[in-house]
Amino acid sequence: MLASLSMVIQAGKQRATQLNNNLKKLFNNCWIEIALRWILGITFIYASYYKIMSPTDFAKVVYGYNLFPEVLINPIAIILPFVELISGLSLLLGIYPRSAALIINGLLLAFIFILTINIMRGYDFDCGCFSTKKTGSPKLMVARDVIYLIMGLQVFLFNGVRKGCFIRLDRKI
């Protein structure tokens, strides 16, 4: 009885080790990392476009969140789109991708926090993510941002050799 229990435990450890190795291969796959970088980069470049083209409309959206002092509305509406654009281009071109992923993850955490606060308040609002039009359910927007955050964490924590990078700081662990 004890011997069979020991064999079952050993088999479980082997399967866990195999699963762990498969996950490591998946998370350290350079092609998955570059695809996620490009998806995030293109998304943030696209998201910044309308905000740069119509900062007054975006300022109205920021004002609608009822979270920021009026003095900060215009600076947020002017600076944020350029941060998104530069970070997105940096991810797309592979110029300091870990730093760009860190910035984008910080933005995503802020977006998730802001959306969640307004959902809890019961506000009906537009996120202002890609246009000034109503973009859907705020809960779906939070779920989408969480998915983007997971993608950004994968890019940030990637340990392998990055493909398609012009400038990078390799992570030494």
N, C-alpha and C. Protein backbone atom coordinates (compact mmCIF):
# COMPACT_ATOMS: atom_id res chain seq x y z
N MET A 1 0.82 -1.19 0.00
CA MET A 1 0.00 0.00 0.00
C MET A 1 0.87 1.25 0.00
N LEU A 2 1.87 1.29 0.87
CA LEU A 2 2.77 2.42 0.97
C LEU A 2 3.59 2.58 -0.30
N ALA A 3 3.97 1.45 -0.90
CA ALA A 3 4.77 1.49 -2.14
C ALA A 3 3.93 2.06 -3.29
N SER A 4 2.66 1.67 -3.37
CA SER A 4 1.82 2.18 -4.46
C SER A 4 1.53 3.66 -4.27
N LEU A 5 1.38 4.12 -3.03
CA LEU A 5 1.19 5.53 -2.76
C LEU A 5 2.43 6.32 -3.16
N SER A 6 3.59 5.77 -2.88
CA SER A 6 4.85 6.40 -3.27
C SER A 6 4.97 6.50 -4.79
N MET A 7 4.53 5.46 -5.51
CA MET A 7 4.58 5.48 -6.98
C MET A 7 3.62 6.54 -7.53
N VAL A 8 2.46 6.69 -6.92
CA VAL A 8 1.49 7.69 -7.37
C VAL A 8 2.05 9.10 -7.15
N ILE A 9 2.67 9.32 -6.01
CA ILE A 9 3.27 10.62 -5.71
C ILE A 9 4.39 10.92 -6.70
N GLN A 10 5.24 9.93 -6.98
CA GLN A 10 6.35 10.11 -7.94
C GLN A 10 5.81 10.44 -9.33
N ALA A 11 4.75 9.74 -9.76
CA ALA A 11 4.15 10.01 -11.07
C ALA A 11 3.57 11.42 -11.12
N GLY A 12 2.95 11.85 -10.04
CA GLY A 12 2.40 13.20 -9.96
C GLY A 12 3.48 14.25 -10.05
N LYS A 13 4.63 14.00 -9.39
CA LYS A 13 5.74 14.94 -9.46
C LYS A 13 6.30 15.03 -10.87
N GLN A 14 6.39 13.89 -11.57
CA GLN A 14 6.89 13.89 -12.94
C GLN A 14 5.96 14.69 -13.86
N ARG A 15 4.66 14.51 -13.70
CA ARG A 15 3.69 15.25 -14.52
C ARG A 15 3.76 16.74 -14.21
N ALA A 16 3.90 17.09 -12.94
CA ALA A 16 3.99 18.49 -12.55
C ALA A 16 5.26 19.12 -13.13
N THR A 17 6.36 18.37 -13.09
CA THR A 17 7.61 18.87 -13.65
C THR A 17 7.47 19.05 -15.16
N GLN A 18 6.84 18.09 -15.82
CA GLN A 18 6.64 18.19 -17.26
C GLN A 18 5.76 19.39 -17.60
N LEU A 19 4.68 19.60 -16.85
CA LEU A 19 3.80 20.74 -17.06
C LEU A 19 4.55 22.04 -16.82
N ASN A 20 5.35 22.08 -15.76
CA ASN A 20 6.14 23.26 -15.44
C ASN A 20 7.11 23.57 -16.58
N ASN A 21 7.77 22.55 -17.12
CA ASN A 21 8.70 22.75 -18.24
C ASN A 21 7.96 23.25 -19.48
N ASN A 22 6.77 22.69 -19.75
CA ASN A 22 5.99 23.14 -20.90
C ASN A 22 5.57 24.60 -20.75
N LEU A 23 5.17 25.00 -19.52
CA LEU A 23 4.80 26.39 -19.28
C LEU A 23 6.00 27.31 -19.45
N LYS A 24 7.18 26.88 -18.97
CA LYS A 24 8.39 27.69 -19.15
C LYS A 24 8.70 27.88 -20.63
N LYS A 25 8.55 26.81 -21.41
CA LYS A 25 8.78 26.92 -22.85
C LYS A 25 7.80 27.89 -23.48
N LEU A 26 6.55 27.81 -23.06
CA LEU A 26 5.53 28.69 -23.61
C LEU A 26 5.81 30.15 -23.24
N PHE A 27 6.12 30.41 -21.99
CA PHE A 27 6.34 31.79 -21.55
C PHE A 27 7.68 32.34 -22.02
N ASN A 28 8.62 31.51 -22.37
CA ASN A 28 9.90 31.99 -22.87
C ASN A 28 10.03 31.83 -24.38
N ASN A 29 8.91 31.69 -25.07
CA ASN A 29 8.91 31.59 -26.52
C ASN A 29 9.02 32.99 -27.10
N CYS A 30 10.09 33.23 -27.85
CA CYS A 30 10.34 34.58 -28.38
C CYS A 30 9.29 35.00 -29.39
N TRP A 31 8.68 34.05 -30.08
CA TRP A 31 7.66 34.40 -31.09
C TRP A 31 6.36 34.83 -30.42
N ILE A 32 6.03 34.22 -29.30
CA ILE A 32 4.84 34.66 -28.56
C ILE A 32 5.09 36.05 -27.99
N GLU A 33 6.30 36.27 -27.49
CA GLU A 33 6.64 37.58 -26.92
C GLU A 33 6.55 38.67 -27.97
N ILE A 34 7.07 38.44 -29.16
CA ILE A 34 7.03 39.47 -30.20
C ILE A 34 5.59 39.71 -30.66
N ALA A 35 4.78 38.65 -30.74
CA ALA A 35 3.37 38.83 -31.13
C ALA A 35 2.64 39.67 -30.08
N LEU A 36 2.86 39.40 -28.81
CA LEU A 36 2.21 40.17 -27.76
C LEU A 36 2.69 41.61 -27.76
N ARG A 37 3.99 41.81 -28.00
CA ARG A 37 4.52 43.17 -28.09
C ARG A 37 3.86 43.95 -29.21
N TRP A 38 3.73 43.32 -30.36
CA TRP A 38 3.12 43.99 -31.51
C TRP A 38 1.63 44.25 -31.27
N ILE A 39 0.93 43.30 -30.69
CA ILE A 39 -0.50 43.51 -30.40
C ILE A 39 -0.67 44.70 -29.45
N LEU A 40 0.09 44.72 -28.37
CA LEU A 40 0.00 45.83 -27.42
C LEU A 40 0.44 47.15 -28.07
N GLY A 41 1.52 47.11 -28.81
CA GLY A 41 2.02 48.32 -29.45
C GLY A 41 1.02 48.91 -30.42
N ILE A 42 0.46 48.09 -31.29
CA ILE A 42 -0.52 48.57 -32.27
C ILE A 42 -1.78 49.07 -31.56
N THR A 43 -2.20 48.37 -30.52
CA THR A 43 -3.38 48.78 -29.76
C THR A 43 -3.20 50.16 -29.15
N PHE A 44 -2.05 50.38 -28.54
CA PHE A 44 -1.83 51.67 -27.88
C PHE A 44 -1.57 52.79 -28.89
N ILE A 45 -0.96 52.49 -30.01
CA ILE A 45 -0.81 53.50 -31.07
C ILE A 45 -2.19 53.90 -31.59
N TYR A 46 -3.02 52.90 -31.85
CA TYR A 46 -4.37 53.15 -32.34
C TYR A 46 -5.19 53.94 -31.32
N ALA A 47 -5.06 53.57 -30.04
CA ALA A 47 -5.81 54.25 -28.98
C ALA A 47 -5.38 55.71 -28.84
N SER A 48 -4.14 56.01 -29.11
CA SER A 48 -3.65 57.38 -28.96
C SER A 48 -4.08 58.29 -30.10
N TYR A 49 -4.39 57.72 -31.25
CA TYR A 49 -4.63 58.51 -32.45
C TYR A 49 -5.77 59.51 -32.28
N TYR A 50 -6.95 59.05 -31.91
CA TYR A 50 -8.08 59.97 -31.82
C TYR A 50 -7.87 60.97 -30.68
N LYS A 51 -7.19 60.55 -29.62
CA LYS A 51 -6.95 61.44 -28.48
C LYS A 51 -6.02 62.58 -28.88
N ILE A 52 -5.05 62.28 -29.72
CA ILE A 52 -4.14 63.32 -30.20
C ILE A 52 -4.86 64.24 -31.19
N MET A 53 -5.72 63.66 -32.01
CA MET A 53 -6.43 64.45 -33.02
C MET A 53 -7.53 65.34 -32.42
N SER A 54 -8.13 64.92 -31.32
CA SER A 54 -9.19 65.74 -30.72
C SER A 54 -9.04 65.76 -29.19
N PRO A 55 -8.08 66.53 -28.70
CA PRO A 55 -7.84 66.57 -27.25
C PRO A 55 -9.01 67.15 -26.46
N THR A 56 -9.81 68.04 -27.07
CA THR A 56 -10.94 68.59 -26.32
C THR A 56 -11.99 67.51 -26.04
N ASP A 57 -12.24 66.66 -27.03
CA ASP A 57 -13.20 65.56 -26.80
C ASP A 57 -12.68 64.61 -25.72
N PHE A 58 -11.38 64.33 -25.78
CA PHE A 58 -10.80 63.44 -24.77
C PHE A 58 -10.82 64.09 -23.39
N ALA A 59 -10.60 65.40 -23.33
CA ALA A 59 -10.65 66.11 -22.05
C ALA A 59 -12.06 66.00 -21.44
N LYS A 60 -13.08 66.04 -22.28
CA LYS A 60 -14.46 65.89 -21.79
C LYS A 60 -14.67 64.49 -21.20
N VAL A 61 -14.07 63.49 -21.84
CA VAL A 61 -14.18 62.12 -21.32
C VAL A 61 -13.47 62.02 -19.97
N VAL A 62 -12.26 62.58 -19.88
CA VAL A 62 -11.51 62.56 -18.62
C VAL A 62 -12.30 63.28 -17.53
N TYR A 63 -12.89 64.41 -17.89
CA TYR A 63 -13.71 65.16 -16.94
C TYR A 63 -14.90 64.33 -16.47
N GLY A 64 -15.46 63.54 -17.36
CA GLY A 64 -16.62 62.71 -17.05
C GLY A 64 -16.35 61.62 -16.01
N TYR A 65 -15.09 61.31 -15.79
CA TYR A 65 -14.76 60.30 -14.77
C TYR A 65 -14.99 60.82 -13.35
N ASN A 66 -14.99 62.15 -13.20
CA ASN A 66 -15.18 62.77 -11.88
C ASN A 66 -14.15 62.29 -10.86
N LEU A 67 -12.92 62.13 -11.29
CA LEU A 67 -11.86 61.67 -10.39
C LEU A 67 -10.70 62.65 -10.26
N PHE A 68 -10.58 63.55 -11.20
CA PHE A 68 -9.41 64.42 -11.25
C PHE A 68 -9.83 65.87 -10.99
N PRO A 69 -8.94 66.63 -10.35
CA PRO A 69 -9.23 68.06 -10.20
C PRO A 69 -9.27 68.72 -11.58
N GLU A 70 -10.09 69.75 -11.70
CA GLU A 70 -10.25 70.41 -12.99
C GLU A 70 -8.93 70.92 -13.57
N VAL A 71 -8.01 71.29 -12.71
CA VAL A 71 -6.72 71.81 -13.16
C VAL A 71 -5.92 70.75 -13.91
N LEU A 72 -6.13 69.48 -13.60
CA LEU A 72 -5.35 68.40 -14.21
C LEU A 72 -5.99 67.81 -15.46
N ILE A 73 -7.23 68.18 -15.76
CA ILE A 73 -7.94 67.57 -16.89
C ILE A 73 -7.20 67.81 -18.20
N ASN A 74 -6.88 69.07 -18.50
CA ASN A 74 -6.21 69.38 -19.77
C ASN A 74 -4.80 68.78 -19.87
N PRO A 75 -3.96 68.88 -18.82
CA PRO A 75 -2.66 68.22 -18.93
C PRO A 75 -2.76 66.71 -19.15
N ILE A 76 -3.71 66.07 -18.48
CA ILE A 76 -3.91 64.63 -18.68
C ILE A 76 -4.32 64.35 -20.12
N ALA A 77 -5.27 65.15 -20.63
CA ALA A 77 -5.78 64.94 -21.99
C ALA A 77 -4.72 65.21 -23.05
N ILE A 78 -3.73 66.02 -22.74
CA ILE A 78 -2.68 66.33 -23.72
C ILE A 78 -1.51 65.36 -23.60
N ILE A 79 -1.10 65.05 -22.38
CA ILE A 79 0.12 64.24 -22.18
C ILE A 79 -0.14 62.74 -22.36
N LEU A 80 -1.24 62.22 -21.82
CA LEU A 80 -1.52 60.78 -21.85
C LEU A 80 -1.47 60.17 -23.25
N PRO A 81 -2.08 60.79 -24.26
CA PRO A 81 -2.03 60.19 -25.60
C PRO A 81 -0.61 60.06 -26.16
N PHE A 82 0.24 61.02 -25.84
CA PHE A 82 1.62 60.93 -26.33
C PHE A 82 2.42 59.87 -25.58
N VAL A 83 2.11 59.66 -24.30
CA VAL A 83 2.73 58.56 -23.55
C VAL A 83 2.31 57.23 -24.17
N GLU A 84 1.01 57.11 -24.51
CA GLU A 84 0.53 55.89 -25.16
C GLU A 84 1.20 55.69 -26.52
N LEU A 85 1.31 56.75 -27.30
CA LEU A 85 1.92 56.66 -28.63
C LEU A 85 3.38 56.24 -28.55
N ILE A 86 4.14 56.90 -27.71
CA ILE A 86 5.58 56.61 -27.60
C ILE A 86 5.80 55.20 -27.05
N SER A 87 5.03 54.81 -26.04
CA SER A 87 5.17 53.46 -25.48
C SER A 87 4.78 52.41 -26.51
N GLY A 88 3.70 52.65 -27.25
CA GLY A 88 3.27 51.72 -28.30
C GLY A 88 4.30 51.58 -29.39
N LEU A 89 4.86 52.71 -29.85
CA LEU A 89 5.91 52.66 -30.88
C LEU A 89 7.14 51.94 -30.36
N SER A 90 7.46 52.18 -29.11
CA SER A 90 8.62 51.53 -28.50
C SER A 90 8.45 50.01 -28.47
N LEU A 91 7.25 49.55 -28.12
CA LEU A 91 6.99 48.10 -28.13
C LEU A 91 7.04 47.56 -29.55
N LEU A 92 6.43 48.27 -30.47
CA LEU A 92 6.36 47.80 -31.86
C LEU A 92 7.74 47.72 -32.49
N LEU A 93 8.57 48.72 -32.23
CA LEU A 93 9.90 48.77 -32.84
C LEU A 93 10.96 48.04 -32.02
N GLY A 94 10.62 47.69 -30.80
CA GLY A 94 11.58 46.98 -29.96
C GLY A 94 12.64 47.90 -29.38
N ILE A 95 12.27 49.11 -29.07
CA ILE A 95 13.20 50.06 -28.45
C ILE A 95 12.89 50.07 -26.95
N TYR A 96 13.79 49.50 -26.18
CA TYR A 96 13.59 49.31 -24.74
C TYR A 96 12.21 48.73 -24.43
N PRO A 97 11.95 47.51 -24.91
CA PRO A 97 10.60 46.93 -24.75
C PRO A 97 10.20 46.67 -23.31
N ARG A 98 11.12 46.34 -22.44
CA ARG A 98 10.75 46.12 -21.03
C ARG A 98 10.29 47.42 -20.39
N SER A 99 10.98 48.51 -20.69
CA SER A 99 10.58 49.80 -20.14
C SER A 99 9.22 50.22 -20.67
N ALA A 100 9.01 50.02 -21.97
CA ALA A 100 7.71 50.35 -22.57
C ALA A 100 6.61 49.49 -21.97
N ALA A 101 6.88 48.21 -21.76
CA ALA A 101 5.89 47.32 -21.16
C ALA A 101 5.58 47.75 -19.72
N LEU A 102 6.58 48.22 -19.00
CA LEU A 102 6.37 48.70 -17.65
C LEU A 102 5.44 49.93 -17.65
N ILE A 103 5.68 50.85 -18.57
CA ILE A 103 4.82 52.04 -18.67
C ILE A 103 3.40 51.65 -19.05
N ILE A 104 3.27 50.79 -20.03
CA ILE A 104 1.94 50.36 -20.48
C ILE A 104 1.22 49.60 -19.37
N ASN A 105 1.93 48.77 -18.63
CA ASN A 105 1.30 48.06 -17.50
C ASN A 105 0.83 49.04 -16.43
N GLY A 106 1.62 50.07 -16.18
CA GLY A 106 1.20 51.11 -15.23
C GLY A 106 -0.06 51.82 -15.71
N LEU A 107 -0.10 52.15 -17.00
CA LEU A 107 -1.30 52.77 -17.57
C LEU A 107 -2.50 51.84 -17.45
N LEU A 108 -2.30 50.58 -17.77
CA LEU A 108 -3.40 49.62 -17.70
C LEU A 108 -3.92 49.46 -16.27
N LEU A 109 -3.02 49.43 -15.31
CA LEU A 109 -3.46 49.35 -13.91
C LEU A 109 -4.28 50.58 -13.53
N ALA A 110 -3.83 51.74 -13.98
CA ALA A 110 -4.58 52.98 -13.71
C ALA A 110 -5.95 52.93 -14.39
N PHE A 111 -6.00 52.47 -15.65
CA PHE A 111 -7.27 52.38 -16.36
C PHE A 111 -8.23 51.43 -15.65
N ILE A 112 -7.70 50.28 -15.23
CA ILE A 112 -8.53 49.29 -14.53
C ILE A 112 -9.08 49.90 -13.23
N PHE A 113 -8.23 50.58 -12.50
CA PHE A 113 -8.62 51.21 -11.24
C PHE A 113 -9.71 52.26 -11.48
N ILE A 114 -9.50 53.13 -12.47
CA ILE A 114 -10.45 54.21 -12.77
C ILE A 114 -11.79 53.64 -13.23
N LEU A 115 -11.75 52.66 -14.11
CA LEU A 115 -12.99 52.04 -14.59
C LEU A 115 -13.74 51.37 -13.45
N THR A 116 -13.01 50.66 -12.60
CA THR A 116 -13.63 49.94 -11.49
C THR A 116 -14.29 50.91 -10.50
N ILE A 117 -13.63 52.01 -10.22
CA ILE A 117 -14.22 53.00 -9.31
C ILE A 117 -15.55 53.51 -9.87
N ASN A 118 -15.57 53.82 -11.16
CA ASN A 118 -16.80 54.36 -11.75
C ASN A 118 -17.88 53.28 -11.90
N ILE A 119 -17.49 52.04 -12.08
CA ILE A 119 -18.49 50.96 -12.09
C ILE A 119 -19.11 50.83 -10.70
N MET A 120 -18.27 50.89 -9.65
CA MET A 120 -18.78 50.79 -8.28
C MET A 120 -19.68 51.98 -7.94
N ARG A 121 -19.40 53.13 -8.49
CA ARG A 121 -20.23 54.32 -8.27
C ARG A 121 -21.56 54.21 -9.00
N GLY A 122 -21.61 53.33 -10.00
CA GLY A 122 -22.83 53.18 -10.78
C GLY A 122 -22.96 54.20 -11.90
N TYR A 123 -21.84 54.83 -12.27
CA TYR A 123 -21.87 55.84 -13.34
C TYR A 123 -22.03 55.18 -14.69
N ASP A 124 -22.74 55.87 -15.57
CA ASP A 124 -22.80 55.47 -16.97
C ASP A 124 -21.81 56.38 -17.71
N PHE A 125 -20.75 55.81 -18.25
CA PHE A 125 -19.68 56.63 -18.80
C PHE A 125 -19.07 55.98 -20.03
N ASP A 126 -18.31 56.78 -20.74
CA ASP A 126 -17.55 56.32 -21.89
C ASP A 126 -16.09 56.25 -21.45
N CYS A 127 -15.42 55.16 -21.77
CA CYS A 127 -14.03 55.03 -21.31
C CYS A 127 -13.09 55.94 -22.08
N GLY A 128 -13.42 56.31 -23.31
CA GLY A 128 -12.54 57.17 -24.10
C GLY A 128 -11.33 56.43 -24.61
N CYS A 129 -11.40 55.12 -24.67
CA CYS A 129 -10.25 54.31 -25.06
C CYS A 129 -9.85 54.49 -26.53
N PHE A 130 -10.81 54.31 -27.42
CA PHE A 130 -10.49 54.33 -28.84
C PHE A 130 -11.24 55.40 -29.61
N SER A 131 -12.28 55.98 -29.00
CA SER A 131 -13.03 57.05 -29.64
C SER A 131 -13.92 57.70 -28.60
N THR A 132 -14.64 58.75 -29.02
CA THR A 132 -15.54 59.40 -28.08
C THR A 132 -16.91 58.74 -28.08
N LYS A 133 -17.09 57.74 -28.93
CA LYS A 133 -18.36 57.03 -28.97
C LYS A 133 -18.42 56.01 -27.83
N LYS A 134 -19.60 55.63 -27.47
CA LYS A 134 -19.80 54.60 -26.44
C LYS A 134 -19.19 53.30 -26.93
N THR A 135 -18.30 52.72 -26.14
CA THR A 135 -17.56 51.54 -26.60
C THR A 135 -18.03 50.22 -26.01
N GLY A 136 -19.11 50.24 -25.27
CA GLY A 136 -19.61 48.98 -24.73
C GLY A 136 -19.68 49.00 -23.22
N SER A 137 -19.89 47.83 -22.68
CA SER A 137 -20.05 47.65 -21.25
C SER A 137 -18.75 47.97 -20.51
N PRO A 138 -18.82 48.76 -19.43
CA PRO A 138 -17.61 49.04 -18.65
C PRO A 138 -16.97 47.78 -18.08
N LYS A 139 -17.79 46.79 -17.75
CA LYS A 139 -17.22 45.54 -17.22
C LYS A 139 -16.41 44.82 -18.29
N LEU A 140 -16.86 44.88 -19.54
CA LEU A 140 -16.08 44.29 -20.63
C LEU A 140 -14.78 45.07 -20.86
N MET A 141 -14.84 46.38 -20.66
CA MET A 141 -13.63 47.20 -20.80
C MET A 141 -12.59 46.81 -19.75
N VAL A 142 -13.06 46.56 -18.52
CA VAL A 142 -12.15 46.13 -17.46
C VAL A 142 -11.56 44.76 -17.81
N ALA A 143 -12.40 43.84 -18.27
CA ALA A 143 -11.91 42.51 -18.65
C ALA A 143 -10.88 42.61 -19.77
N ARG A 144 -11.16 43.46 -20.77
CA ARG A 144 -10.21 43.67 -21.87
C ARG A 144 -8.88 44.22 -21.35
N ASP A 145 -8.95 45.19 -20.43
CA ASP A 145 -7.73 45.77 -19.88
C ASP A 145 -6.95 44.75 -19.04
N VAL A 146 -7.65 43.87 -18.35
CA VAL A 146 -6.97 42.82 -17.58
C VAL A 146 -6.23 41.88 -18.54
N ILE A 147 -6.85 41.55 -19.65
CA ILE A 147 -6.18 40.70 -20.65
C ILE A 147 -4.94 41.41 -21.20
N TYR A 148 -5.08 42.70 -21.51
CA TYR A 148 -3.91 43.46 -21.97
C TYR A 148 -2.82 43.51 -20.90
N LEU A 149 -3.23 43.62 -19.64
CA LEU A 149 -2.26 43.64 -18.54
C LEU A 149 -1.50 42.32 -18.47
N ILE A 150 -2.19 41.21 -18.61
CA ILE A 150 -1.53 39.90 -18.61
C ILE A 150 -0.54 39.81 -19.77
N MET A 151 -0.96 40.31 -20.93
CA MET A 151 -0.05 40.31 -22.09
C MET A 151 1.17 41.19 -21.80
N GLY A 152 0.93 42.35 -21.19
CA GLY A 152 2.03 43.25 -20.85
C GLY A 152 2.99 42.65 -19.83
N LEU A 153 2.43 41.90 -18.87
CA LEU A 153 3.29 41.23 -17.89
C LEU A 153 4.16 40.18 -18.55
N GLN A 154 3.59 39.47 -19.53
CA GLN A 154 4.38 38.48 -20.26
C GLN A 154 5.55 39.15 -20.97
N VAL A 155 5.30 40.29 -21.59
CA VAL A 155 6.37 41.02 -22.28
C VAL A 155 7.39 41.51 -21.26
N PHE A 156 6.93 42.06 -20.15
CA PHE A 156 7.83 42.59 -19.13
C PHE A 156 8.69 41.51 -18.50
N LEU A 157 8.11 40.36 -18.22
CA LEU A 157 8.83 39.29 -17.51
C LEU A 157 9.57 38.33 -18.43
N PHE A 158 9.51 38.55 -19.73
CA PHE A 158 10.15 37.65 -20.69
C PHE A 158 11.65 37.59 -20.42
N ASN A 159 12.18 36.36 -20.38
CA ASN A 159 13.59 36.14 -20.05
C ASN A 159 14.46 35.79 -21.25
N GLY A 160 13.87 35.41 -22.36
CA GLY A 160 14.63 34.93 -23.50
C GLY A 160 15.24 36.07 -24.32
N VAL A 161 15.78 35.69 -25.46
CA VAL A 161 16.34 36.67 -26.40
C VAL A 161 15.18 37.24 -27.20
N ARG A 162 15.05 38.55 -27.19
CA ARG A 162 13.95 39.21 -27.89
C ARG A 162 14.25 39.32 -29.37
N LYS A 163 13.25 38.98 -30.18
CA LYS A 163 13.36 39.12 -31.63
C LYS A 163 12.88 40.51 -32.03
N GLY A 164 13.44 41.04 -33.10
CA GLY A 164 12.96 42.28 -33.68
C GLY A 164 13.16 43.49 -32.80
N CYS A 165 14.24 43.54 -32.04
CA CYS A 165 14.51 44.68 -31.18
C CYS A 165 15.67 45.50 -31.74
N PHE A 166 15.48 46.80 -31.75
CA PHE A 166 16.58 47.68 -32.15
C PHE A 166 17.47 47.98 -30.96
N ILE A 167 16.85 48.28 -29.84
CA ILE A 167 17.60 48.59 -28.62
C ILE A 167 16.92 47.87 -27.47
N ARG A 168 17.69 47.18 -26.66
CA ARG A 168 17.09 46.52 -25.51
C ARG A 168 18.10 46.44 -24.38
N LEU A 169 17.56 46.38 -23.19
CA LEU A 169 18.35 46.10 -22.01
C LEU A 169 18.05 44.67 -21.63
N ASP A 170 19.00 43.76 -21.82
CA ASP A 170 18.75 42.36 -21.49
C ASP A 170 18.65 42.20 -19.98
N ARG A 171 17.71 41.36 -19.61
CA ARG A 171 17.47 41.10 -18.20
C ARG A 171 18.42 40.01 -17.74
N LYS A 172 19.14 40.28 -16.69
CA LYS A 172 20.07 39.30 -16.14
C LYS A 172 19.49 38.76 -14.84
N ILE A 173 19.21 37.45 -14.84
CA ILE A 173 18.70 36.83 -13.61
C ILE A 173 19.56 35.64 -13.27
